[in-house]
Amino acid sequence: MILLVEDEPRSRYAFGKILRANGHEVIEAADGQEALKLLEQHNFDLVITDLVMPRLNGFLLAAQIRSTRPHMPVLLISGCFSEDAGRIISSGSAEFMHKPIDPPDLIAAVQRLLH
């Protein structure tokens, strides 16, 4: 099961549709705070999260996940790449994909992270 965290409704819908069409069970969250609540309620195999979001951004969400579930794969997605994203990726805590994301590339990344 995949937790998809994206504050932009159209992007969340599109990513969810792509993932479901490829056989994945997906639960969606609109921000990091909502994602943390869902992480307490479900056992996810992968978290895909946007970086720039209100209330709790993707950097802080990834840090929370690392502290409680150090082996859970995290895929960061964003239209911008920052020094913070570089640090998270170089530490091995997460992978990064730059928006816009081609559906085959998203599915390939998900397959790689789930196996």
PDB file of N, CA and C in Angstrom:
ATOM      1  N   MET A   1       0.840  -1.172   0.000  1.00  0.00           N
ATOM      2  CA  MET A   1       0.000   0.000   0.000  1.00  0.00           C
ATOM      3  C   MET A   1       0.890   1.243   0.000  1.00  0.00           C
ATOM      4  N   ILE A   2       0.476   2.231  -0.789  1.00  0.00           N
ATOM      5  CA  ILE A   2       1.255   3.457  -0.966  1.00  0.00           C
ATOM      6  C   ILE A   2       0.515   4.631  -0.335  1.00  0.00           C
ATOM      7  N   LEU A   3       1.256   5.455   0.404  1.00  0.00           N
ATOM      8  CA  LEU A   3       0.728   6.720   0.907  1.00  0.00           C
ATOM      9  C   LEU A   3       1.206   7.809  -0.037  1.00  0.00           C
ATOM     10  N   LEU A   4       0.266   8.490  -0.670  1.00  0.00           N
ATOM     11  CA  LEU A   4       0.550   9.567  -1.617  1.00  0.00           C
ATOM     12  C   LEU A   4       0.224  10.896  -0.942  1.00  0.00           C
ATOM     13  N   VAL A   5       1.235  11.749  -0.780  1.00  0.00           N
ATOM     14  CA  VAL A   5       1.056  13.022  -0.079  1.00  0.00           C
ATOM     15  C   VAL A   5       1.340  14.159  -1.059  1.00  0.00           C
ATOM     16  N   GLU A   6       0.291  14.879  -1.391  1.00  0.00           N
ATOM     17  CA  GLU A   6       0.400  15.957  -2.390  1.00  0.00           C
ATOM     18  C   GLU A   6      -0.680  16.981  -2.091  1.00  0.00           C
ATOM     19  N   ASP A   7      -0.297  18.243  -1.926  1.00  0.00           N
ATOM     20  CA  ASP A   7      -1.274  19.272  -1.578  1.00  0.00           C
ATOM     21  C   ASP A   7      -2.069  19.784  -2.776  1.00  0.00           C
ATOM     22  N   GLU A   8      -1.560  19.623  -3.963  1.00  0.00           N
ATOM     23  CA  GLU A   8      -2.251  20.117  -5.158  1.00  0.00           C
ATOM     24  C   GLU A   8      -3.237  19.045  -5.632  1.00  0.00           C
ATOM     25  N   PRO A   9      -4.549  19.312  -5.544  1.00  0.00           N
ATOM     26  CA  PRO A   9      -5.550  18.285  -5.845  1.00  0.00           C
ATOM     27  C   PRO A   9      -5.418  17.634  -7.222  1.00  0.00           C
ATOM     28  N   ARG A  10      -5.118  18.413  -8.250  1.00  0.00           N
ATOM     29  CA  ARG A  10      -5.004  17.827  -9.603  1.00  0.00           C
ATOM     30  C   ARG A  10      -3.823  16.871  -9.689  1.00  0.00           C
ATOM     31  N   SER A  11      -2.708  17.253  -9.113  1.00  0.00           N
ATOM     32  CA  SER A  11      -1.535  16.371  -9.125  1.00  0.00           C
ATOM     33  C   SER A  11      -1.804  15.112  -8.310  1.00  0.00           C
ATOM     34  N   ARG A  12      -2.430  15.287  -7.132  1.00  0.00           N
ATOM     35  CA  ARG A  12      -2.742  14.130  -6.284  1.00  0.00           C
ATOM     36  C   ARG A  12      -3.648  13.163  -7.031  1.00  0.00           C
ATOM     37  N   TYR A  13      -4.664  13.701  -7.715  1.00  0.00           N
ATOM     38  CA  TYR A  13      -5.575  12.861  -8.487  1.00  0.00           C
ATOM     39  C   TYR A  13      -4.819  12.130  -9.599  1.00  0.00           C
ATOM     40  N   ALA A  14      -3.987  12.851 -10.336  1.00  0.00           N
ATOM     41  CA  ALA A  14      -3.265  12.254 -11.467  1.00  0.00           C
ATOM     42  C   ALA A  14      -2.307  11.160 -11.003  1.00  0.00           C
ATOM     43  N   PHE A  15      -1.511  11.453  -9.967  1.00  0.00           N
ATOM     44  CA  PHE A  15      -0.574  10.437  -9.461  1.00  0.00           C
ATOM     45  C   PHE A  15      -1.330   9.222  -8.930  1.00  0.00           C
ATOM     46  N   GLY A  16      -2.408   9.464  -8.198  1.00  0.00           N
ATOM     47  CA  GLY A  16      -3.203   8.354  -7.672  1.00  0.00           C
ATOM     48  C   GLY A  16      -3.773   7.493  -8.775  1.00  0.00           C
ATOM     49  N   LYS A  17      -4.275   8.138  -9.818  1.00  0.00           N
ATOM     50  CA  LYS A  17      -4.853   7.410 -10.952  1.00  0.00           C
ATOM     51  C   LYS A  17      -3.795   6.537 -11.638  1.00  0.00           C
ATOM     52  N   ILE A  18      -2.616   7.086 -11.837  1.00  0.00           N
ATOM     53  CA  ILE A  18      -1.519   6.330 -12.463  1.00  0.00           C
ATOM     54  C   ILE A  18      -1.158   5.116 -11.616  1.00  0.00           C
ATOM     55  N   LEU A  19      -1.005   5.340 -10.320  1.00  0.00           N
ATOM     56  CA  LEU A  19      -0.616   4.243  -9.424  1.00  0.00           C
ATOM     57  C   LEU A  19      -1.687   3.159  -9.363  1.00  0.00           C
ATOM     58  N   ARG A  20      -2.942   3.568  -9.247  1.00  0.00           N
ATOM     59  CA  ARG A  20      -4.036   2.583  -9.186  1.00  0.00           C
ATOM     60  C   ARG A  20      -4.163   1.805 -10.494  1.00  0.00           C
ATOM     61  N   ALA A  21      -3.971   2.492 -11.618  1.00  0.00           N
ATOM     62  CA  ALA A  21      -4.056   1.824 -12.924  1.00  0.00           C
ATOM     63  C   ALA A  21      -2.973   0.767 -13.080  1.00  0.00           C
ATOM     64  N   ASN A  22      -1.934   0.880 -12.285  1.00  0.00           N
ATOM     65  CA  ASN A  22      -0.848  -0.101 -12.324  1.00  0.00           C
ATOM     66  C   ASN A  22      -0.917  -1.078 -11.160  1.00  0.00           C
ATOM     67  N   GLY A  23      -2.098  -1.185 -10.556  1.00  0.00           N
ATOM     68  CA  GLY A  23      -2.358  -2.226  -9.572  1.00  0.00           C
ATOM     69  C   GLY A  23      -1.994  -1.908  -8.131  1.00  0.00           C
ATOM     70  N   HIS A  24      -1.691  -0.667  -7.816  1.00  0.00           N
ATOM     71  CA  HIS A  24      -1.303  -0.317  -6.456  1.00  0.00           C
ATOM     72  C   HIS A  24      -2.495   0.194  -5.668  1.00  0.00           C
ATOM     73  N   GLU A  25      -2.538  -0.184  -4.394  1.00  0.00           N
ATOM     74  CA  GLU A  25      -3.514   0.377  -3.471  1.00  0.00           C
ATOM     75  C   GLU A  25      -2.928   1.681  -2.947  1.00  0.00           C
ATOM     76  N   VAL A  26      -3.696   2.756  -3.019  1.00  0.00           N
ATOM     77  CA  VAL A  26      -3.199   4.089  -2.679  1.00  0.00           C
ATOM     78  C   VAL A  26      -4.141   4.766  -1.700  1.00  0.00           C
ATOM     79  N   ILE A  27      -3.568   5.352  -0.667  1.00  0.00           N
ATOM     80  CA  ILE A  27      -4.302   6.237   0.233  1.00  0.00           C
ATOM     81  C   ILE A  27      -3.668   7.609   0.085  1.00  0.00           C
ATOM     82  N   GLU A  28      -4.509   8.624  -0.011  1.00  0.00           N
ATOM     83  CA  GLU A  28      -4.019   9.974  -0.291  1.00  0.00           C
ATOM     84  C   GLU A  28      -4.111  10.876   0.934  1.00  0.00           C
ATOM     85  N   ALA A  29      -3.155  11.797   1.015  1.00  0.00           N
ATOM     86  CA  ALA A  29      -3.146  12.829   2.048  1.00  0.00           C
ATOM     87  C   ALA A  29      -2.851  14.162   1.378  1.00  0.00           C
ATOM     88  N   ALA A  30      -3.457  15.249   1.908  1.00  0.00           N
ATOM     89  CA  ALA A  30      -3.291  16.572   1.321  1.00  0.00           C
ATOM     90  C   ALA A  30      -2.101  17.329   1.891  1.00  0.00           C
ATOM     91  N   ASP A  31      -1.518  16.833   2.983  1.00  0.00           N
ATOM     92  CA  ASP A  31      -0.336  17.490   3.563  1.00  0.00           C
ATOM     93  C   ASP A  31       0.336  16.540   4.552  1.00  0.00           C
ATOM     94  N   GLY A  32       1.464  16.980   5.087  1.00  0.00           N
ATOM     95  CA  GLY A  32       2.242  16.137   5.985  1.00  0.00           C
ATOM     96  C   GLY A  32       1.534  15.803   7.285  1.00  0.00           C
ATOM     97  N   GLN A  33       0.758  16.733   7.817  1.00  0.00           N
ATOM     98  CA  GLN A  33       0.016  16.465   9.063  1.00  0.00           C
ATOM     99  C   GLN A  33      -0.980  15.327   8.858  1.00  0.00           C
ATOM    100  N   GLU A  34      -1.713  15.393   7.773  1.00  0.00           N
ATOM    101  CA  GLU A  34      -2.669  14.331   7.455  1.00  0.00           C
ATOM    102  C   GLU A  34      -1.929  13.005   7.230  1.00  0.00           C
ATOM    103  N   ALA A  35      -0.786  13.079   6.583  1.00  0.00           N
ATOM    104  CA  ALA A  35       0.010  11.871   6.325  1.00  0.00           C
ATOM    105  C   ALA A  35       0.456  11.212   7.629  1.00  0.00           C
ATOM    106  N   LEU A  36       0.893  12.006   8.600  1.00  0.00           N
ATOM    107  CA  LEU A  36       1.327  11.434   9.883  1.00  0.00           C
ATOM    108  C   LEU A  36       0.191  10.682  10.567  1.00  0.00           C
ATOM    109  N   LYS A  37      -1.015  11.217  10.501  1.00  0.00           N
ATOM    110  CA  LYS A  37      -2.172  10.523  11.080  1.00  0.00           C
ATOM    111  C   LYS A  37      -2.420   9.194  10.372  1.00  0.00           C
ATOM    112  N   LEU A  38      -2.320   9.210   9.044  1.00  0.00           N
ATOM    113  CA  LEU A  38      -2.535   7.981   8.279  1.00  0.00           C
ATOM    114  C   LEU A  38      -1.439   6.956   8.550  1.00  0.00           C
ATOM    115  N   LEU A  39      -0.215   7.417   8.759  1.00  0.00           N
ATOM    116  CA  LEU A  39       0.892   6.511   9.075  1.00  0.00           C
ATOM    117  C   LEU A  39       0.670   5.786  10.394  1.00  0.00           C
ATOM    118  N   GLU A  40      -0.064   6.409  11.319  1.00  0.00           N
ATOM    119  CA  GLU A  40      -0.399   5.757  12.593  1.00  0.00           C
ATOM    120  C   GLU A  40      -1.482   4.704  12.418  1.00  0.00           C
ATOM    121  N   GLN A  41      -2.300   4.845  11.387  1.00  0.00           N
ATOM    122  CA  GLN A  41      -3.461   3.979  11.196  1.00  0.00           C
ATOM    123  C   GLN A  41      -3.243   2.822  10.234  1.00  0.00           C
ATOM    124  N   HIS A  42      -2.222   2.929   9.367  1.00  0.00           N
ATOM    125  CA  HIS A  42      -2.025   1.931   8.313  1.00  0.00           C
ATOM    126  C   HIS A  42      -0.560   1.518   8.227  1.00  0.00           C
ATOM    127  N   ASN A  43      -0.352   0.355   7.647  1.00  0.00           N
ATOM    128  CA  ASN A  43       1.009  -0.116   7.361  1.00  0.00           C
ATOM    129  C   ASN A  43       1.278   0.100   5.880  1.00  0.00           C
ATOM    130  N   PHE A  44       2.048   1.111   5.581  1.00  0.00           N
ATOM    131  CA  PHE A  44       2.367   1.431   4.193  1.00  0.00           C
ATOM    132  C   PHE A  44       3.685   0.779   3.790  1.00  0.00           C
ATOM    133  N   ASP A  45       3.791   0.482   2.491  1.00  0.00           N
ATOM    134  CA  ASP A  45       5.019  -0.070   1.933  1.00  0.00           C
ATOM    135  C   ASP A  45       5.910   1.018   1.352  1.00  0.00           C
ATOM    136  N   LEU A  46       5.309   2.174   1.037  1.00  0.00           N
ATOM    137  CA  LEU A  46       6.023   3.262   0.376  1.00  0.00           C
ATOM    138  C   LEU A  46       5.287   4.569   0.629  1.00  0.00           C
ATOM    139  N   VAL A  47       6.056   5.649   0.801  1.00  0.00           N
ATOM    140  CA  VAL A  47       5.473   6.986   0.883  1.00  0.00           C
ATOM    141  C   VAL A  47       6.016   7.800  -0.289  1.00  0.00           C
ATOM    142  N   ILE A  48       5.098   8.404  -1.037  1.00  0.00           N
ATOM    143  CA  ILE A  48       5.450   9.346  -2.101  1.00  0.00           C
ATOM    144  C   ILE A  48       4.956  10.702  -1.627  1.00  0.00           C
ATOM    145  N   THR A  49       5.862  11.663  -1.489  1.00  0.00           N
ATOM    146  CA  THR A  49       5.451  12.954  -0.964  1.00  0.00           C
ATOM    147  C   THR A  49       6.035  14.127  -1.731  1.00  0.00           C
ATOM    148  N   ASP A  50       5.182  15.125  -1.915  1.00  0.00           N
ATOM    149  CA  ASP A  50       5.635  16.404  -2.432  1.00  0.00           C
ATOM    150  C   ASP A  50       6.502  17.045  -1.355  1.00  0.00           C
ATOM    151  N   LEU A  51       7.348  17.963  -1.753  1.00  0.00           N
ATOM    152  CA  LEU A  51       8.203  18.656  -0.781  1.00  0.00           C
ATOM    153  C   LEU A  51       7.563  19.919  -0.236  1.00  0.00           C
ATOM    154  N   VAL A  52       6.993  20.730  -1.109  1.00  0.00           N
ATOM    155  CA  VAL A  52       6.454  22.022  -0.701  1.00  0.00           C
ATOM    156  C   VAL A  52       4.954  21.870  -0.442  1.00  0.00           C
ATOM    157  N   MET A  53       4.588  21.901   0.857  1.00  0.00           N
ATOM    158  CA  MET A  53       3.194  21.749   1.266  1.00  0.00           C
ATOM    159  C   MET A  53       2.944  22.603   2.501  1.00  0.00           C
ATOM    160  N   PRO A  54       1.687  22.981   2.722  1.00  0.00           N
ATOM    161  CA  PRO A  54       1.367  23.725   3.950  1.00  0.00           C
ATOM    162  C   PRO A  54       1.398  22.807   5.177  1.00  0.00           C
ATOM    163  N   ARG A  55       1.418  23.408   6.336  1.00  0.00           N
ATOM    164  CA  ARG A  55       1.357  22.758   7.655  1.00  0.00           C
ATOM    165  C   ARG A  55       2.592  21.918   7.974  1.00  0.00           C
ATOM    166  N   LEU A  56       2.882  20.893   7.211  1.00  0.00           N
ATOM    167  CA  LEU A  56       4.078  20.070   7.439  1.00  0.00           C
ATOM    168  C   LEU A  56       4.609  19.682   6.066  1.00  0.00           C
ATOM    169  N   ASN A  57       5.790  20.194   5.720  1.00  0.00           N
ATOM    170  CA  ASN A  57       6.312  19.950   4.372  1.00  0.00           C
ATOM    171  C   ASN A  57       6.915  18.553   4.243  1.00  0.00           C
ATOM    172  N   GLY A  58       7.283  18.221   3.028  1.00  0.00           N
ATOM    173  CA  GLY A  58       7.821  16.900   2.740  1.00  0.00           C
ATOM    174  C   GLY A  58       9.156  16.601   3.411  1.00  0.00           C
ATOM    175  N   PHE A  59       9.982  17.627   3.629  1.00  0.00           N
ATOM    176  CA  PHE A  59      11.261  17.423   4.332  1.00  0.00           C
ATOM    177  C   PHE A  59      11.013  16.947   5.757  1.00  0.00           C
ATOM    178  N   LEU A  60      10.116  17.643   6.447  1.00  0.00           N
ATOM    179  CA  LEU A  60       9.822  17.283   7.834  1.00  0.00           C
ATOM    180  C   LEU A  60       9.097  15.946   7.916  1.00  0.00           C
ATOM    181  N   LEU A  61       8.228  15.684   6.955  1.00  0.00           N
ATOM    182  CA  LEU A  61       7.548  14.391   6.918  1.00  0.00           C
ATOM    183  C   LEU A  61       8.560  13.266   6.727  1.00  0.00           C
ATOM    184  N   ALA A  62       9.488  13.434   5.786  1.00  0.00           N
ATOM    185  CA  ALA A  62      10.510  12.410   5.552  1.00  0.00           C
ATOM    186  C   ALA A  62      11.354  12.183   6.810  1.00  0.00           C
ATOM    187  N   ALA A  63      11.677  13.253   7.524  1.00  0.00           N
ATOM    188  CA  ALA A  63      12.455  13.123   8.763  1.00  0.00           C
ATOM    189  C   ALA A  63      11.669  12.351   9.819  1.00  0.00           C
ATOM    190  N   GLN A  64      10.382  12.623   9.924  1.00  0.00           N
ATOM    191  CA  GLN A  64       9.532  11.898  10.882  1.00  0.00           C
ATOM    192  C   GLN A  64       9.482  10.408  10.524  1.00  0.00           C
ATOM    193  N   ILE A  65       9.326  10.135   9.244  1.00  0.00           N
ATOM    194  CA  ILE A  65       9.274   8.737   8.795  1.00  0.00           C
ATOM    195  C   ILE A  65      10.586   8.042   9.120  1.00  0.00           C
ATOM    196  N   ARG A  66      11.708   8.686   8.842  1.00  0.00           N
ATOM    197  CA  ARG A  66      13.024   8.103   9.115  1.00  0.00           C
ATOM    198  C   ARG A  66      13.201   7.788  10.599  1.00  0.00           C
ATOM    199  N   SER A  67      12.657   8.642  11.474  1.00  0.00           N
ATOM    200  CA  SER A  67      12.844   8.422  12.908  1.00  0.00           C
ATOM    201  C   SER A  67      11.993   7.274  13.438  1.00  0.00           C
ATOM    202  N   THR A  68      10.851   7.005  12.806  1.00  0.00           N
ATOM    203  CA  THR A  68       9.971   5.945  13.306  1.00  0.00           C
ATOM    204  C   THR A  68       9.975   4.685  12.453  1.00  0.00           C
ATOM    205  N   ARG A  69      10.286   4.833  11.186  1.00  0.00           N
ATOM    206  CA  ARG A  69      10.291   3.696  10.241  1.00  0.00           C
ATOM    207  C   ARG A  69      11.516   3.813   9.339  1.00  0.00           C
ATOM    208  N   PRO A  70      12.685   3.546   9.871  1.00  0.00           N
ATOM    209  CA  PRO A  70      13.917   3.825   9.125  1.00  0.00           C
ATOM    210  C   PRO A  70      14.073   3.062   7.810  1.00  0.00           C
ATOM    211  N   HIS A  71      13.334   1.972   7.635  1.00  0.00           N
ATOM    212  CA  HIS A  71      13.505   1.179   6.412  1.00  0.00           C
ATOM    213  C   HIS A  71      12.395   1.411   5.388  1.00  0.00           C
ATOM    214  N   MET A  72      11.442   2.289   5.708  1.00  0.00           N
ATOM    215  CA  MET A  72      10.357   2.556   4.768  1.00  0.00           C
ATOM    216  C   MET A  72      10.875   3.414   3.613  1.00  0.00           C
ATOM    217  N   PRO A  73      10.676   2.974   2.373  1.00  0.00           N
ATOM    218  CA  PRO A  73      11.116   3.799   1.247  1.00  0.00           C
ATOM    219  C   PRO A  73      10.264   5.059   1.104  1.00  0.00           C
ATOM    220  N   VAL A  74      10.945   6.154   0.768  1.00  0.00           N
ATOM    221  CA  VAL A  74      10.292   7.444   0.573  1.00  0.00           C
ATOM    222  C   VAL A  74      10.736   7.996  -0.775  1.00  0.00           C
ATOM    223  N   LEU A  75       9.765   8.413  -1.566  1.00  0.00           N
ATOM    224  CA  LEU A  75      10.031   9.057  -2.851  1.00  0.00           C
ATOM    225  C   LEU A  75       9.575  10.499  -2.747  1.00  0.00           C
ATOM    226  N   LEU A  76      10.518  11.426  -2.838  1.00  0.00           N
ATOM    227  CA  LEU A  76      10.229  12.851  -2.798  1.00  0.00           C
ATOM    228  C   LEU A  76       9.978  13.340  -4.219  1.00  0.00           C
ATOM    229  N   ILE A  77       8.937  14.147  -4.380  1.00  0.00           N
ATOM    230  CA  ILE A  77       8.631  14.718  -5.691  1.00  0.00           C
ATOM    231  C   ILE A  77       8.480  16.222  -5.543  1.00  0.00           C
ATOM    232  N   SER A  78       9.008  16.959  -6.508  1.00  0.00           N
ATOM    233  CA  SER A  78       8.891  18.413  -6.440  1.00  0.00           C
ATOM    234  C   SER A  78       9.245  19.035  -7.778  1.00  0.00           C
ATOM    235  N   GLY A  79       8.732  20.219  -7.976  1.00  0.00           N
ATOM    236  CA  GLY A  79       9.082  20.994  -9.161  1.00  0.00           C
ATOM    237  C   GLY A  79      10.390  21.742  -8.991  1.00  0.00           C
ATOM    238  N   CYS A  80      10.903  21.766  -7.773  1.00  0.00           N
ATOM    239  CA  CYS A  80      12.178  22.443  -7.527  1.00  0.00           C
ATOM    240  C   CYS A  80      13.081  21.538  -6.698  1.00  0.00           C
ATOM    241  N   PHE A  81      14.350  21.642  -6.937  1.00  0.00           N
ATOM    242  CA  PHE A  81      15.339  20.843  -6.211  1.00  0.00           C
ATOM    243  C   PHE A  81      16.131  21.801  -5.334  1.00  0.00           C
ATOM    244  N   SER A  82      16.191  21.504  -4.056  1.00  0.00           N
ATOM    245  CA  SER A  82      16.870  22.403  -3.130  1.00  0.00           C
ATOM    246  C   SER A  82      18.050  21.705  -2.472  1.00  0.00           C
ATOM    247  N   GLU A  83      18.815  22.485  -1.752  1.00  0.00           N
ATOM    248  CA  GLU A  83      19.936  21.931  -0.993  1.00  0.00           C
ATOM    249  C   GLU A  83      19.438  20.923   0.042  1.00  0.00           C
ATOM    250  N   ASP A  84      18.283  21.201   0.666  1.00  0.00           N
ATOM    251  CA  ASP A  84      17.711  20.268   1.636  1.00  0.00           C
ATOM    252  C   ASP A  84      17.375  18.929   0.987  1.00  0.00           C
ATOM    253  N   ALA A  85      16.799  18.982  -0.210  1.00  0.00           N
ATOM    254  CA  ALA A  85      16.482  17.745  -0.931  1.00  0.00           C
ATOM    255  C   ALA A  85      17.760  16.977  -1.226  1.00  0.00           C
ATOM    256  N   GLY A  86      18.789  17.678  -1.639  1.00  0.00           N
ATOM    257  CA  GLY A  86      20.072  17.039  -1.910  1.00  0.00           C
ATOM    258  C   GLY A  86      20.639  16.332  -0.689  1.00  0.00           C
ATOM    259  N   ARG A  87      20.517  16.969   0.477  1.00  0.00           N
ATOM    260  CA  ARG A  87      21.017  16.345   1.716  1.00  0.00           C
ATOM    261  C   ARG A  87      20.248  15.078   2.056  1.00  0.00           C
ATOM    262  N   ILE A  88      18.932  15.127   1.917  1.00  0.00           N
ATOM    263  CA  ILE A  88      18.111  13.952   2.228  1.00  0.00           C
ATOM    264  C   ILE A  88      18.457  12.802   1.284  1.00  0.00           C
ATOM    265  N   ILE A  89      18.602  13.113   0.012  1.00  0.00           N
ATOM    266  CA  ILE A  89      18.901  12.083  -0.981  1.00  0.00           C
ATOM    267  C   ILE A  89      20.295  11.511  -0.769  1.00  0.00           C
ATOM    268  N   SER A  90      21.279  12.374  -0.550  1.00  0.00           N
ATOM    269  CA  SER A  90      22.650  11.882  -0.372  1.00  0.00           C
ATOM    270  C   SER A  90      22.809  11.076   0.905  1.00  0.00           C
ATOM    271  N   SER A  91      21.939  11.296   1.884  1.00  0.00           N
ATOM    272  CA  SER A  91      22.005  10.503   3.115  1.00  0.00           C
ATOM    273  C   SER A  91      21.415   9.115   2.918  1.00  0.00           C
ATOM    274  N   GLY A  92      20.772   8.900   1.776  1.00  0.00           N
ATOM    275  CA  GLY A  92      20.159   7.601   1.508  1.00  0.00           C
ATOM    276  C   GLY A  92      18.777   7.472   2.125  1.00  0.00           C
ATOM    277  N   SER A  93      18.225   8.555   2.656  1.00  0.00           N
ATOM    278  CA  SER A  93      16.925   8.511   3.323  1.00  0.00           C
ATOM    279  C   SER A  93      15.754   8.521   2.347  1.00  0.00           C
ATOM    280  N   ALA A  94      15.996   8.952   1.120  1.00  0.00           N
ATOM    281  CA  ALA A  94      14.895   9.051   0.164  1.00  0.00           C
ATOM    282  C   ALA A  94      15.442   9.171  -1.251  1.00  0.00           C
ATOM    283  N   GLU A  95      14.557   8.964  -2.198  1.00  0.00           N
ATOM    284  CA  GLU A  95      14.866   9.218  -3.604  1.00  0.00           C
ATOM    285  C   GLU A  95      14.071  10.442  -4.038  1.00  0.00           C
ATOM    286  N   PHE A  96      14.469  11.017  -5.174  1.00  0.00           N
ATOM    287  CA  PHE A  96      13.845  12.254  -5.645  1.00  0.00           C
ATOM    288  C   PHE A  96      13.470  12.128  -7.114  1.00  0.00           C
ATOM    289  N   MET A  97      12.291  12.659  -7.455  1.00  0.00           N
ATOM    290  CA  MET A  97      11.873  12.796  -8.844  1.00  0.00           C
ATOM    291  C   MET A  97      11.427  14.227  -9.059  1.00  0.00           C
ATOM    292  N   HIS A  98      11.839  14.803 -10.183  1.00  0.00           N
ATOM    293  CA  HIS A  98      11.520  16.186 -10.514  1.00  0.00           C
ATOM    294  C   HIS A  98      10.236  16.241 -11.323  1.00  0.00           C
ATOM    295  N   LYS A  99       9.303  17.112 -10.908  1.00  0.00           N
ATOM    296  CA  LYS A  99       8.069  17.328 -11.674  1.00  0.00           C
ATOM    297  C   LYS A  99       8.380  18.183 -12.887  1.00  0.00           C
ATOM    298  N   PRO A 100       7.714  18.001 -13.998  1.00  0.00           N
ATOM    299  CA  PRO A 100       6.664  17.015 -14.234  1.00  0.00           C
ATOM    300  C   PRO A 100       7.246  15.609 -14.367  1.00  0.00           C
ATOM    301  N   ILE A 101       6.460  14.644 -13.940  1.00  0.00           N
ATOM    302  CA  ILE A 101       6.903  13.249 -13.917  1.00  0.00           C
ATOM    303  C   ILE A 101       6.141  12.478 -14.980  1.00  0.00           C
ATOM    304  N   ASP A 102       6.878  11.775 -15.819  1.00  0.00           N
ATOM    305  CA  ASP A 102       6.255  10.914 -16.814  1.00  0.00           C
ATOM    306  C   ASP A 102       5.734   9.658 -16.116  1.00  0.00           C
ATOM    307  N   PRO A 103       4.512   9.233 -16.411  1.00  0.00           N
ATOM    308  CA  PRO A 103       3.946   8.056 -15.755  1.00  0.00           C
ATOM    309  C   PRO A 103       4.849   6.818 -15.780  1.00  0.00           C
ATOM    310  N   PRO A 104       5.477   6.462 -16.911  1.00  0.00           N
ATOM    311  CA  PRO A 104       6.342   5.277 -16.881  1.00  0.00           C
ATOM    312  C   PRO A 104       7.520   5.428 -15.908  1.00  0.00           C
ATOM    313  N   ASP A 105       8.029   6.646 -15.773  1.00  0.00           N
ATOM    314  CA  ASP A 105       9.137   6.873 -14.836  1.00  0.00           C
ATOM    315  C   ASP A 105       8.663   6.721 -13.390  1.00  0.00           C
ATOM    316  N   LEU A 106       7.457   7.208 -13.095  1.00  0.00           N
ATOM    317  CA  LEU A 106       6.903   7.056 -11.747  1.00  0.00           C
ATOM    318  C   LEU A 106       6.712   5.581 -11.418  1.00  0.00           C
ATOM    319  N   ILE A 107       6.128   4.843 -12.337  1.00  0.00           N
ATOM    320  CA  ILE A 107       5.887   3.409 -12.093  1.00  0.00           C
ATOM    321  C   ILE A 107       7.208   2.659 -11.934  1.00  0.00           C
ATOM    322  N   ALA A 108       8.197   2.992 -12.738  1.00  0.00           N
ATOM    323  CA  ALA A 108       9.511   2.341 -12.619  1.00  0.00           C
ATOM    324  C   ALA A 108      10.129   2.626 -11.248  1.00  0.00           C
ATOM    325  N   ALA A 109      10.034   3.850 -10.771  1.00  0.00           N
ATOM    326  CA  ALA A 109      10.586   4.202  -9.461  1.00  0.00           C
ATOM    327  C   ALA A 109       9.853   3.464  -8.354  1.00  0.00           C
ATOM    328  N   VAL A 110       8.534   3.395  -8.452  1.00  0.00           N
ATOM    329  CA  VAL A 110       7.747   2.683  -7.449  1.00  0.00           C
ATOM    330  C   VAL A 110       8.109   1.203  -7.423  1.00  0.00           C
ATOM    331  N   GLN A 111       8.213   0.597  -8.602  1.00  0.00           N
ATOM    332  CA  GLN A 111       8.582  -0.831  -8.667  1.00  0.00           C
ATOM    333  C   GLN A 111       9.940  -1.066  -8.021  1.00  0.00           C
ATOM    334  N   ARG A 112      10.893  -0.187  -8.323  1.00  0.00           N
ATOM    335  CA  ARG A 112      12.249  -0.321  -7.769  1.00  0.00           C
ATOM    336  C   ARG A 112      12.230  -0.188  -6.238  1.00  0.00           C
ATOM    337  N   LEU A 113      11.485   0.780  -5.740  1.00  0.00           N
ATOM    338  CA  LEU A 113      11.458   1.024  -4.290  1.00  0.00           C
ATOM    339  C   LEU A 113      10.695  -0.052  -3.533  1.00  0.00           C
ATOM    340  N   LEU A 114       9.744  -0.689  -4.180  1.00  0.00           N
ATOM    341  CA  LEU A 114       8.975  -1.738  -3.500  1.00  0.00           C
ATOM    342  C   LEU A 114       9.661  -3.096  -3.511  1.00  0.00           C
ATOM    343  N   HIS A 115      10.713  -3.223  -4.324  1.00  0.00           N
ATOM    344  CA  HIS A 115      11.394  -4.525  -4.390  1.00  0.00           C
ATOM    345  C   HIS A 115      12.781  -4.486  -3.860  1.00  0.00           C
TER     346      HIS A 115
END
